[in-house]
């Protein structure tokens, strides 16, 4: 009889999920990787095609699963989508649910994303199954979205000189893998951060040092930031990002927590390591 636990990873091809799958495989668990792309095969994992917005496909993906990692794409109905998944996981007999939330999530936050995450957290706490909440801070990999302008020598955001304890998503994945394969995490909420808080000016200098080029950061107004994203992102998402950056600019995301080291046994990756590893993404193509 096979007693190897099976872990379902939602968002298996996303930034966190794509790092979580190999981290789990290294720990010897059976991974069921969920994707919406019927043509995608996740190496080493059992690939299942399902859409979080399709309850029937999710129910099929959850069959025989011991634990699940819950993450979903940014969407206006993300909270409702995640709550429905949590209910389906409970109904399917899933023993444990690990929820990817966000640093400082709370029901009364002025940031819509943080309110949505708080809503999901509150629902999961009442499900009656084991759960753990991971609250990572701003992803260092979010800088990849600025890669085009950084390659030109600059990037901009409405964040001022505020420091943020940014985190590498590889550390989020490794922390999630530790929780999903370990014990003693039921009911816990872990705030995941990098080893220090840095400003966007410091980030620009670090990228410059890694690429051998001058890179500048420009603080811009919320209005300028919104205008630059108009037509690229939907209005609700632009509004949420502006709220996120206002939260960072108020200095509300600068605390450093030890959870990554506590869970994984190694220090959280520093900004300098991230920019060395991703230097090619910030360099003009030949």
Protein backbone atom coordinates (compact mmCIF):
# COMPACT_ATOMS: atom_id res chain seq x y z
CA UNK A 1 0.00 0.00 0.00
CA UNK A 2 1.36 3.41 -0.96
CA UNK A 3 1.54 5.67 2.09
CA UNK A 4 3.30 8.58 0.39
CA UNK A 5 1.22 11.71 1.03
CA UNK A 6 -0.17 13.55 -1.97
CA UNK A 7 -0.02 17.33 -2.07
CA UNK A 8 -2.06 19.35 -4.55
CA UNK A 9 -0.37 22.55 -5.69
CA UNK A 10 -2.69 25.14 -7.21
CA UNK A 11 -1.07 27.72 -9.48
CA UNK A 12 1.64 25.16 -10.19
CA UNK A 13 3.02 27.13 -13.14
CA UNK A 14 3.03 30.48 -11.31
CA UNK A 15 5.93 32.23 -9.63
CA UNK A 16 5.54 30.48 -6.27
CA UNK A 17 3.99 27.23 -7.49
CA UNK A 18 6.70 26.54 -10.05
CA UNK A 19 9.30 26.68 -7.25
CA UNK A 20 7.12 24.79 -4.77
CA UNK A 21 6.67 21.69 -6.93
CA UNK A 22 10.40 20.79 -7.06
CA UNK A 23 10.81 21.74 -3.39
CA UNK A 24 8.11 19.22 -2.47
CA UNK A 25 9.51 16.56 -4.78
CA UNK A 26 12.88 16.91 -3.07
CA UNK A 27 11.12 16.11 0.22
CA UNK A 28 9.76 12.86 -1.16
CA UNK A 29 6.06 13.61 -1.42
CA UNK A 30 3.77 12.88 -4.34
CA UNK A 31 2.85 16.16 -6.03
CA UNK A 32 -0.30 16.76 -8.01
CA UNK A 33 0.29 19.94 -9.98
CA UNK A 34 -2.82 21.84 -11.05
CA UNK A 35 -2.82 23.90 -14.22
CA UNK A 36 -5.40 25.33 -16.61
CA UNK A 37 -3.17 24.53 -19.60
CA UNK A 38 -4.12 21.15 -21.08
CA UNK A 39 -0.85 21.07 -22.99
CA UNK A 40 1.37 21.60 -19.97
CA UNK A 41 3.22 18.79 -18.21
CA UNK A 42 4.92 19.53 -14.89
CA UNK A 43 8.13 17.47 -14.63
CA UNK A 44 8.13 14.97 -11.77
CA UNK A 45 4.53 15.66 -10.78
CA UNK A 46 1.13 14.28 -11.65
CA UNK A 47 -0.27 17.07 -13.82
CA UNK A 48 -4.01 17.68 -13.57
CA UNK A 49 -5.97 20.15 -15.66
CA UNK A 50 -8.43 22.17 -13.58
CA UNK A 51 -9.66 25.72 -13.25
CA UNK A 52 -10.37 27.28 -9.85
CA UNK A 53 -13.49 28.80 -11.38
CA UNK A 54 -14.78 25.34 -12.35
CA UNK A 55 -15.86 23.48 -9.17
CA UNK A 56 -16.30 20.16 -10.99
CA UNK A 57 -12.70 20.14 -12.25
CA UNK A 58 -11.41 21.21 -8.83
CA UNK A 59 -13.34 18.40 -7.10
CA UNK A 60 -11.74 15.89 -9.46
CA UNK A 61 -8.28 17.35 -8.82
CA UNK A 62 -8.79 17.08 -5.04
CA UNK A 63 -9.70 13.38 -5.06
CA UNK A 64 -7.28 11.42 -2.88
CA UNK A 65 -5.31 14.50 -1.83
CA UNK A 66 -3.88 14.72 1.70
CA UNK A 67 -2.87 18.38 1.70
CA UNK A 68 -3.31 21.36 -0.61
CA UNK A 69 -1.51 24.60 -1.27
CA UNK A 70 -3.95 27.37 -2.11
CA UNK A 71 -2.93 30.23 -4.34
CA UNK A 72 -4.85 31.85 -7.18
CA UNK A 73 -4.17 34.39 -9.91
CA UNK A 74 -4.93 38.02 -9.13
CA UNK A 75 -8.60 38.54 -9.90
CA UNK A 76 -11.44 40.71 -8.70
CA UNK A 77 -13.24 37.62 -7.36
CA UNK A 78 -10.11 35.98 -5.91
CA UNK A 79 -11.50 35.81 -2.36
CA UNK A 80 -14.70 34.06 -3.44
CA UNK A 81 -12.70 31.70 -5.68
CA UNK A 82 -10.34 30.73 -2.87
CA UNK A 83 -13.18 30.31 -0.36
CA UNK A 84 -14.96 27.95 -2.76
CA UNK A 85 -11.77 25.93 -3.20
CA UNK A 86 -11.34 25.69 0.59
CA UNK A 87 -14.89 24.38 0.95
CA UNK A 88 -14.34 21.82 -1.80
CA UNK A 89 -11.08 20.72 -0.15
CA UNK A 90 -12.85 20.15 3.15
CA UNK A 91 -15.64 18.23 1.42
CA UNK A 92 -13.08 16.07 -0.39
CA UNK A 93 -11.49 15.04 2.91
CA UNK A 94 -8.28 17.03 2.51
CA UNK A 95 -6.48 16.91 5.85
CA UNK A 96 -4.46 20.12 5.61
CA UNK A 97 -4.69 23.42 3.76
CA UNK A 98 -1.80 25.89 3.40
CA UNK A 99 -3.02 29.30 2.29
CA UNK A 100 -0.84 31.88 0.56
CA UNK A 101 -1.98 35.23 1.94
CA UNK A 102 -0.17 38.59 2.13
CA UNK A 103 1.85 40.54 4.67
CA UNK A 104 -0.39 42.61 6.98
CA UNK A 105 -3.67 41.09 5.77
CA UNK A 106 -6.54 42.39 7.88
CA UNK A 107 -10.26 42.94 7.48
CA UNK A 108 -10.11 46.72 8.02
CA UNK A 109 -7.12 47.42 5.77
CA UNK A 110 -7.36 50.31 3.27
CA UNK A 111 -5.75 47.93 0.76
CA UNK A 112 -8.36 45.83 -1.03
CA UNK A 113 -5.97 42.91 -1.58
CA UNK A 114 -5.25 42.71 2.14
CA UNK A 115 -8.96 42.75 2.95
CA UNK A 116 -9.58 39.95 0.44
CA UNK A 117 -6.81 37.83 1.94
CA UNK A 118 -8.15 38.46 5.43
CA UNK A 119 -11.58 37.26 4.29
CA UNK A 120 -10.10 33.99 3.02
CA UNK A 121 -8.07 33.51 6.20
CA UNK A 122 -11.15 34.00 8.39
CA UNK A 123 -13.13 31.48 6.35
CA UNK A 124 -10.38 28.86 6.47
CA UNK A 125 -10.10 29.17 10.24
CA UNK A 126 -13.72 28.07 10.55
CA UNK A 127 -13.52 25.06 8.23
CA UNK A 128 -12.63 22.51 10.88
CA UNK A 129 -9.53 21.17 9.10
CA UNK A 130 -5.85 21.77 9.73
CA UNK A 131 -4.60 24.98 8.18
CA UNK A 132 -1.55 27.22 8.05
CA UNK A 133 -1.40 30.77 6.68
CA UNK A 134 1.68 32.18 4.95
CA UNK A 135 1.86 35.96 4.67
CA UNK A 136 4.75 36.97 2.39
CA UNK A 137 5.80 40.55 1.84
CA UNK A 138 6.42 42.18 -1.56
CA UNK A 139 7.97 39.67 -3.98
CA UNK A 140 11.43 40.47 -5.31
CA UNK A 141 10.32 38.66 -8.47
CA UNK A 142 7.72 41.43 -8.94
CA UNK A 143 10.68 43.48 -10.20
CA UNK A 144 10.66 41.31 -13.32
CA UNK A 145 7.55 43.20 -14.42
CA UNK A 146 9.76 46.31 -14.59
CA UNK A 147 12.39 44.46 -16.63
CA UNK A 148 11.71 46.40 -19.81
CA UNK A 149 12.36 49.82 -18.33
CA UNK A 150 15.15 48.56 -16.04
CA UNK A 151 16.93 47.34 -19.19
CA UNK A 152 16.70 50.98 -20.31
CA UNK A 153 18.24 52.14 -17.04
CA UNK A 154 15.27 53.07 -14.84
CA UNK A 155 12.06 52.03 -13.13
CA UNK A 156 9.38 53.92 -11.21
CA UNK A 157 6.73 53.42 -8.53
CA UNK A 158 4.87 55.55 -5.97
CA UNK A 159 6.79 54.35 -2.92
CA UNK A 160 9.16 57.18 -2.00
CA UNK A 161 12.08 56.33 0.28
CA UNK A 162 10.19 53.73 2.31
CA UNK A 163 11.97 50.49 3.13
CA UNK A 164 10.23 47.16 2.49
CA UNK A 165 11.37 43.73 3.72
CA UNK A 166 11.05 42.24 0.24
CA UNK A 167 11.21 38.46 -0.17
CA UNK A 168 12.41 36.05 -2.83
CA UNK A 169 9.59 33.76 -3.96
CA UNK A 170 11.95 30.79 -3.80
CA UNK A 171 11.97 31.30 -0.03
CA UNK A 172 8.17 31.40 0.00
CA UNK A 173 8.09 28.09 -1.86
CA UNK A 174 10.63 26.45 0.43
CA UNK A 175 8.72 27.70 3.50
CA UNK A 176 5.49 26.27 2.09
CA UNK A 177 7.21 22.94 1.39
CA UNK A 178 8.46 22.81 4.97
CA UNK A 179 4.95 23.42 6.32
CA UNK A 180 3.30 20.93 3.96
CA UNK A 181 5.74 18.17 4.91
CA UNK A 182 6.25 19.02 8.57
CA UNK A 183 4.29 18.99 11.81
CA UNK A 184 3.29 21.51 14.44
CA UNK A 185 2.04 24.19 12.05
CA UNK A 186 -1.73 23.83 12.50
CA UNK A 187 -3.38 27.17 13.23
CA UNK A 188 -0.15 29.11 12.75
CA UNK A 189 0.29 32.27 10.69
CA UNK A 190 3.81 32.93 9.41
CA UNK A 191 4.88 36.33 8.12
CA UNK A 192 7.55 35.76 5.47
CA UNK A 193 10.10 38.47 4.74
CA UNK A 194 13.59 38.90 3.44
CA UNK A 195 16.54 39.37 5.83
CA UNK A 196 16.41 43.18 5.69
CA UNK A 197 14.23 46.06 4.62
CA UNK A 198 15.45 47.95 1.55
CA UNK A 199 14.34 51.02 -0.37
CA UNK A 200 13.69 51.01 -4.10
CA UNK A 201 16.74 53.26 -4.48
CA UNK A 202 18.82 50.50 -2.89
CA UNK A 203 17.18 47.97 -5.20
CA UNK A 204 18.17 50.10 -8.21
CA UNK A 205 21.77 50.29 -7.02
CA UNK A 206 21.89 46.52 -6.44
CA UNK A 207 20.58 45.82 -9.94
CA UNK A 208 23.11 48.26 -11.34
CA UNK A 209 25.95 46.51 -9.52
CA UNK A 210 24.82 43.09 -10.76
CA UNK A 211 24.43 44.18 -14.38
CA UNK A 212 27.34 46.61 -14.58
CA UNK A 213 25.02 49.39 -15.70
CA UNK A 214 23.57 52.52 -14.15
CA UNK A 215 19.99 51.95 -12.98
CA UNK A 216 17.89 54.71 -11.43
CA UNK A 217 14.69 54.56 -9.43
CA UNK A 218 12.16 57.36 -9.85
CA UNK A 219 9.49 58.03 -7.26
CA UNK A 220 6.27 58.97 -9.07
CA UNK A 221 2.80 60.00 -8.01
CA UNK A 222 -0.04 57.52 -7.80
CA UNK A 223 -1.64 59.35 -10.72
CA UNK A 224 1.45 58.95 -12.91
CA UNK A 225 1.73 55.28 -11.97
CA UNK A 226 -1.92 54.66 -12.77
CA UNK A 227 -1.66 56.46 -16.10
CA UNK A 228 1.32 54.32 -17.11
CA UNK A 229 -0.66 51.13 -16.43
CA UNK A 230 -3.88 52.25 -18.08
CA UNK A 231 -4.80 49.87 -20.88
CA UNK A 232 -2.31 47.29 -19.60
CA UNK A 233 -4.14 46.24 -16.43
CA UNK A 234 -7.84 46.46 -15.54
CA UNK A 235 -8.90 49.44 -13.38
CA UNK A 236 -9.54 47.32 -10.25
CA UNK A 237 -6.02 45.91 -10.40
CA UNK A 238 -4.42 49.31 -10.95
CA UNK A 239 -6.38 50.65 -7.99
CA UNK A 240 -5.24 47.74 -5.84
CA UNK A 241 -1.60 48.21 -6.80
CA UNK A 242 -1.81 51.91 -5.95
CA UNK A 243 -3.21 50.95 -2.53
CA UNK A 244 -0.42 48.38 -2.11
CA UNK A 245 2.27 50.96 -2.86
CA UNK A 246 0.65 53.50 -0.53
CA UNK A 247 0.85 50.83 2.19
CA UNK A 248 4.58 50.38 1.45
CA UNK A 249 5.16 54.14 1.27
CA UNK A 250 3.65 54.58 4.75
CA UNK A 251 6.40 52.36 6.11
CA UNK A 252 3.97 49.58 7.03
CA UNK A 253 5.93 46.75 5.42
CA UNK A 254 9.42 47.20 6.83
CA UNK A 255 9.43 44.68 9.68
CA UNK A 256 11.79 41.72 9.31
CA UNK A 257 10.61 38.32 10.53
CA UNK A 258 12.61 35.13 11.07
CA UNK A 259 9.98 32.68 9.77
CA UNK A 260 11.88 31.73 6.60
CA UNK A 261 14.96 30.70 8.58
CA UNK A 262 12.82 29.05 11.26
CA UNK A 263 10.93 26.95 8.71
CA UNK A 264 13.64 26.15 6.16
CA UNK A 265 16.79 26.08 8.27
CA UNK A 266 18.55 28.65 6.10
CA UNK A 267 18.50 32.47 6.06
CA UNK A 268 16.14 34.21 3.67
CA UNK A 269 17.78 35.16 0.39
CA UNK A 270 19.07 38.70 0.28
CA UNK A 271 18.46 41.29 -2.44
CA UNK A 272 22.04 40.92 -3.65
CA UNK A 273 21.58 37.19 -4.26
CA UNK A 274 18.33 37.81 -6.13
CA UNK A 275 19.81 40.39 -8.50
CA UNK A 276 22.82 38.18 -9.24
CA UNK A 277 20.56 35.25 -10.10
CA UNK A 278 18.22 37.35 -12.25
CA UNK A 279 20.71 39.81 -13.75
CA UNK A 280 19.94 38.63 -17.31
CA UNK A 281 16.30 39.70 -16.92
CA UNK A 282 17.42 43.29 -16.36
CA UNK A 283 19.96 43.45 -19.17
CA UNK A 284 19.19 44.67 -22.70
CA UNK A 285 18.99 41.81 -25.16
CA UNK A 286 21.77 41.62 -27.72
